[in-house]
Amino acid sequence: MCEGHPAPRTRGDQTWQERAACAVAVEATKDPDLFFPGTLEGEQRVRLAKGICSSCVVRETCLEAAVRAERRSCRRR
C-alpha cells in the first residue's frame, strides 16, 4: 500500500462504509437521497453532500465503488 492511498479492496468488501462520513452525518440520516438529487432543489443538496464528502476518510474508495456500480448498471441496460 502506498502512503496516501487506500489499501486495495477485495471484491464484496464493504467495511469501508462503516468509516464513511455520510454514515454518521445527521443530514444524510434524515435524507438518504441527499447524494442523489434529481430536482432543481438539487444545487443546495449537492453543496451539502459535497461538504460531507470533503472531509471523509474513505472518499476515494467510495468514488471508486460508485463508478464501478454505474458501469455495472450501464452494462445491464
N, C-alpha and C. Protein backbone atom coordinates (compact mmCIF):
# COMPACT_ATOMS: atom_id res chain seq x y z
N MET A 1 0.85 -1.18 0.00
CA MET A 1 0.00 0.00 0.00
C MET A 1 0.89 1.24 0.00
N CYS A 2 0.63 2.17 -0.88
CA CYS A 2 1.37 3.42 -0.95
C CYS A 2 0.81 4.40 0.06
N GLU A 3 1.69 5.21 0.59
CA GLU A 3 1.22 6.22 1.55
C GLU A 3 0.26 7.17 0.87
N GLY A 4 -0.84 7.45 1.53
CA GLY A 4 -1.84 8.35 0.98
C GLY A 4 -2.88 7.67 0.12
N HIS A 5 -2.69 6.40 -0.17
CA HIS A 5 -3.65 5.66 -0.98
C HIS A 5 -4.24 4.53 -0.15
N PRO A 6 -5.54 4.30 -0.29
CA PRO A 6 -6.16 3.23 0.50
C PRO A 6 -5.69 1.86 0.02
N ALA A 7 -5.76 0.89 0.92
CA ALA A 7 -5.43 -0.48 0.55
C ALA A 7 -6.45 -0.97 -0.47
N PRO A 8 -6.02 -1.81 -1.40
CA PRO A 8 -6.98 -2.34 -2.38
C PRO A 8 -8.11 -3.10 -1.69
N ARG A 9 -9.30 -2.93 -2.21
CA ARG A 9 -10.46 -3.63 -1.64
C ARG A 9 -10.56 -5.01 -2.28
N THR A 10 -11.06 -5.95 -1.51
CA THR A 10 -11.37 -7.24 -2.08
C THR A 10 -12.82 -7.20 -2.53
N ARG A 11 -13.14 -7.99 -3.52
CA ARG A 11 -14.50 -8.00 -4.05
C ARG A 11 -15.50 -8.31 -2.94
N GLY A 12 -16.50 -7.46 -2.83
CA GLY A 12 -17.54 -7.66 -1.84
C GLY A 12 -17.24 -7.05 -0.48
N ASP A 13 -16.02 -6.52 -0.30
CA ASP A 13 -15.64 -5.91 0.97
C ASP A 13 -16.26 -4.52 1.06
N GLN A 14 -17.20 -4.35 1.94
CA GLN A 14 -17.88 -3.06 2.11
C GLN A 14 -17.62 -2.46 3.49
N THR A 15 -16.62 -2.95 4.19
CA THR A 15 -16.35 -2.45 5.54
C THR A 15 -15.96 -0.98 5.56
N TRP A 16 -15.49 -0.45 4.45
CA TRP A 16 -15.13 0.96 4.37
C TRP A 16 -16.34 1.85 4.64
N GLN A 17 -17.52 1.36 4.35
CA GLN A 17 -18.74 2.15 4.54
C GLN A 17 -18.96 2.52 6.01
N GLU A 18 -18.45 1.70 6.91
CA GLU A 18 -18.60 1.97 8.34
C GLU A 18 -17.81 3.21 8.76
N ARG A 19 -16.76 3.55 8.00
CA ARG A 19 -15.92 4.70 8.32
C ARG A 19 -16.32 5.94 7.52
N ALA A 20 -17.33 5.83 6.68
CA ALA A 20 -17.74 6.95 5.83
C ALA A 20 -18.38 8.07 6.63
N ALA A 21 -18.08 9.29 6.25
CA ALA A 21 -18.66 10.46 6.93
C ALA A 21 -20.17 10.46 6.82
N CYS A 22 -20.70 10.00 5.69
CA CYS A 22 -22.15 10.01 5.49
C CYS A 22 -22.87 8.99 6.38
N ALA A 23 -22.13 8.04 6.91
CA ALA A 23 -22.75 7.03 7.78
C ALA A 23 -23.21 7.64 9.09
N VAL A 24 -22.59 8.74 9.48
CA VAL A 24 -22.94 9.36 10.75
C VAL A 24 -23.44 10.80 10.61
N ALA A 25 -23.41 11.34 9.40
CA ALA A 25 -23.86 12.72 9.19
C ALA A 25 -25.37 12.81 9.41
N VAL A 26 -25.78 13.72 10.26
CA VAL A 26 -27.19 13.89 10.58
C VAL A 26 -28.01 14.17 9.33
N GLU A 27 -27.49 15.02 8.45
CA GLU A 27 -28.22 15.37 7.23
C GLU A 27 -28.48 14.14 6.37
N ALA A 28 -27.51 13.26 6.29
CA ALA A 28 -27.64 12.06 5.46
C ALA A 28 -28.59 11.04 6.09
N THR A 29 -28.61 10.96 7.41
CA THR A 29 -29.53 10.01 8.04
C THR A 29 -30.96 10.50 7.95
N LYS A 30 -31.16 11.83 7.92
CA LYS A 30 -32.51 12.37 7.77
C LYS A 30 -33.00 12.28 6.33
N ASP A 31 -32.08 12.36 5.37
CA ASP A 31 -32.43 12.38 3.95
C ASP A 31 -31.51 11.44 3.18
N PRO A 32 -31.84 10.14 3.12
CA PRO A 32 -30.97 9.17 2.45
C PRO A 32 -30.74 9.47 0.97
N ASP A 33 -31.62 10.25 0.35
CA ASP A 33 -31.45 10.59 -1.06
C ASP A 33 -30.61 11.84 -1.27
N LEU A 34 -30.00 12.33 -0.20
CA LEU A 34 -29.21 13.54 -0.27
C LEU A 34 -28.14 13.47 -1.36
N PHE A 35 -27.57 12.32 -1.55
CA PHE A 35 -26.48 12.16 -2.51
C PHE A 35 -26.98 11.83 -3.91
N PHE A 36 -28.28 11.84 -4.10
CA PHE A 36 -28.88 11.53 -5.40
C PHE A 36 -29.94 12.56 -5.76
N PRO A 37 -29.56 13.85 -5.82
CA PRO A 37 -30.55 14.88 -6.13
C PRO A 37 -31.04 14.76 -7.56
N GLY A 38 -32.32 15.01 -7.76
CA GLY A 38 -32.85 14.89 -9.10
C GLY A 38 -33.77 16.03 -9.48
N THR A 39 -33.77 17.09 -8.70
CA THR A 39 -34.67 18.21 -8.97
C THR A 39 -33.89 19.52 -8.94
N LEU A 40 -34.58 20.62 -9.18
CA LEU A 40 -33.94 21.92 -9.14
C LEU A 40 -33.41 22.26 -7.76
N GLU A 41 -34.03 21.71 -6.74
CA GLU A 41 -33.53 21.95 -5.39
C GLU A 41 -32.19 21.27 -5.18
N GLY A 42 -31.75 20.54 -6.17
CA GLY A 42 -30.53 19.76 -6.06
C GLY A 42 -29.27 20.56 -5.79
N GLU A 43 -29.19 21.82 -6.24
CA GLU A 43 -27.96 22.60 -6.04
C GLU A 43 -27.59 22.70 -4.57
N GLN A 44 -28.56 23.02 -3.74
CA GLN A 44 -28.30 23.13 -2.30
C GLN A 44 -27.93 21.77 -1.73
N ARG A 45 -28.62 20.75 -2.18
CA ARG A 45 -28.35 19.39 -1.69
C ARG A 45 -26.96 18.94 -2.13
N VAL A 46 -26.57 19.30 -3.36
CA VAL A 46 -25.24 18.93 -3.85
C VAL A 46 -24.17 19.59 -3.00
N ARG A 47 -24.34 20.87 -2.66
CA ARG A 47 -23.36 21.55 -1.81
C ARG A 47 -23.26 20.87 -0.44
N LEU A 48 -24.39 20.51 0.12
CA LEU A 48 -24.39 19.84 1.42
C LEU A 48 -23.70 18.48 1.32
N ALA A 49 -24.03 17.72 0.30
CA ALA A 49 -23.41 16.40 0.11
C ALA A 49 -21.90 16.53 -0.09
N LYS A 50 -21.48 17.49 -0.91
CA LYS A 50 -20.05 17.70 -1.13
C LYS A 50 -19.35 18.11 0.16
N GLY A 51 -20.02 18.87 0.99
CA GLY A 51 -19.45 19.26 2.27
C GLY A 51 -19.21 18.06 3.17
N ILE A 52 -20.15 17.14 3.16
CA ILE A 52 -19.99 15.91 3.96
C ILE A 52 -18.85 15.08 3.40
N CYS A 53 -18.80 14.94 2.09
CA CYS A 53 -17.78 14.11 1.45
C CYS A 53 -16.38 14.71 1.55
N SER A 54 -16.28 16.02 1.60
CA SER A 54 -14.97 16.67 1.54
C SER A 54 -14.02 16.25 2.64
N SER A 55 -14.53 15.90 3.79
CA SER A 55 -13.65 15.51 4.90
C SER A 55 -13.67 14.01 5.17
N CYS A 56 -14.28 13.26 4.29
CA CYS A 56 -14.44 11.82 4.51
C CYS A 56 -13.13 11.06 4.27
N VAL A 57 -12.81 10.17 5.18
CA VAL A 57 -11.56 9.40 5.08
C VAL A 57 -11.62 8.31 4.01
N VAL A 58 -12.81 7.95 3.57
CA VAL A 58 -12.94 6.89 2.56
C VAL A 58 -13.49 7.44 1.24
N ARG A 59 -13.30 8.72 1.01
CA ARG A 59 -13.86 9.37 -0.18
C ARG A 59 -13.41 8.70 -1.48
N GLU A 60 -12.12 8.40 -1.61
CA GLU A 60 -11.62 7.78 -2.84
C GLU A 60 -12.23 6.40 -3.05
N THR A 61 -12.32 5.62 -2.00
CA THR A 61 -12.88 4.28 -2.10
C THR A 61 -14.36 4.36 -2.46
N CYS A 62 -15.07 5.30 -1.89
CA CYS A 62 -16.48 5.49 -2.18
C CYS A 62 -16.69 5.85 -3.65
N LEU A 63 -15.87 6.78 -4.14
CA LEU A 63 -15.98 7.18 -5.54
C LEU A 63 -15.71 6.00 -6.46
N GLU A 64 -14.70 5.23 -6.14
CA GLU A 64 -14.37 4.05 -6.93
C GLU A 64 -15.56 3.07 -6.96
N ALA A 65 -16.17 2.85 -5.81
CA ALA A 65 -17.32 1.95 -5.73
C ALA A 65 -18.50 2.49 -6.54
N ALA A 66 -18.72 3.81 -6.48
CA ALA A 66 -19.83 4.42 -7.23
C ALA A 66 -19.61 4.30 -8.72
N VAL A 67 -18.39 4.53 -9.17
CA VAL A 67 -18.08 4.42 -10.60
C VAL A 67 -18.27 2.99 -11.08
N ARG A 68 -17.79 2.05 -10.30
CA ARG A 68 -17.96 0.63 -10.67
C ARG A 68 -19.44 0.23 -10.71
N ALA A 69 -20.20 0.72 -9.74
CA ALA A 69 -21.64 0.41 -9.71
C ALA A 69 -22.34 0.98 -10.94
N GLU A 70 -21.96 2.19 -11.33
CA GLU A 70 -22.56 2.82 -12.51
C GLU A 70 -22.20 2.03 -13.77
N ARG A 71 -20.98 1.59 -13.87
CA ARG A 71 -20.56 0.79 -15.03
C ARG A 71 -21.35 -0.50 -15.11
N ARG A 72 -21.54 -1.16 -13.96
CA ARG A 72 -22.33 -2.40 -13.95
C ARG A 72 -23.77 -2.11 -14.35
N SER A 73 -24.30 -1.00 -13.88
CA SER A 73 -25.67 -0.62 -14.19
C SER A 73 -25.83 -0.36 -15.68
N CYS A 74 -24.86 0.29 -16.28
CA CYS A 74 -24.92 0.58 -17.72
C CYS A 74 -24.85 -0.69 -18.55
N ARG A 75 -24.09 -1.67 -18.12
CA ARG A 75 -23.99 -2.92 -18.87
C ARG A 75 -25.30 -3.72 -18.82
N ARG A 76 -26.07 -3.53 -17.79
CA ARG A 76 -27.32 -4.28 -17.65
C ARG A 76 -28.44 -3.70 -18.51
N ARG A 77 -28.30 -2.48 -18.95
CA ARG A 77 -29.36 -1.82 -19.72
C ARG A 77 -29.45 -2.35 -21.11
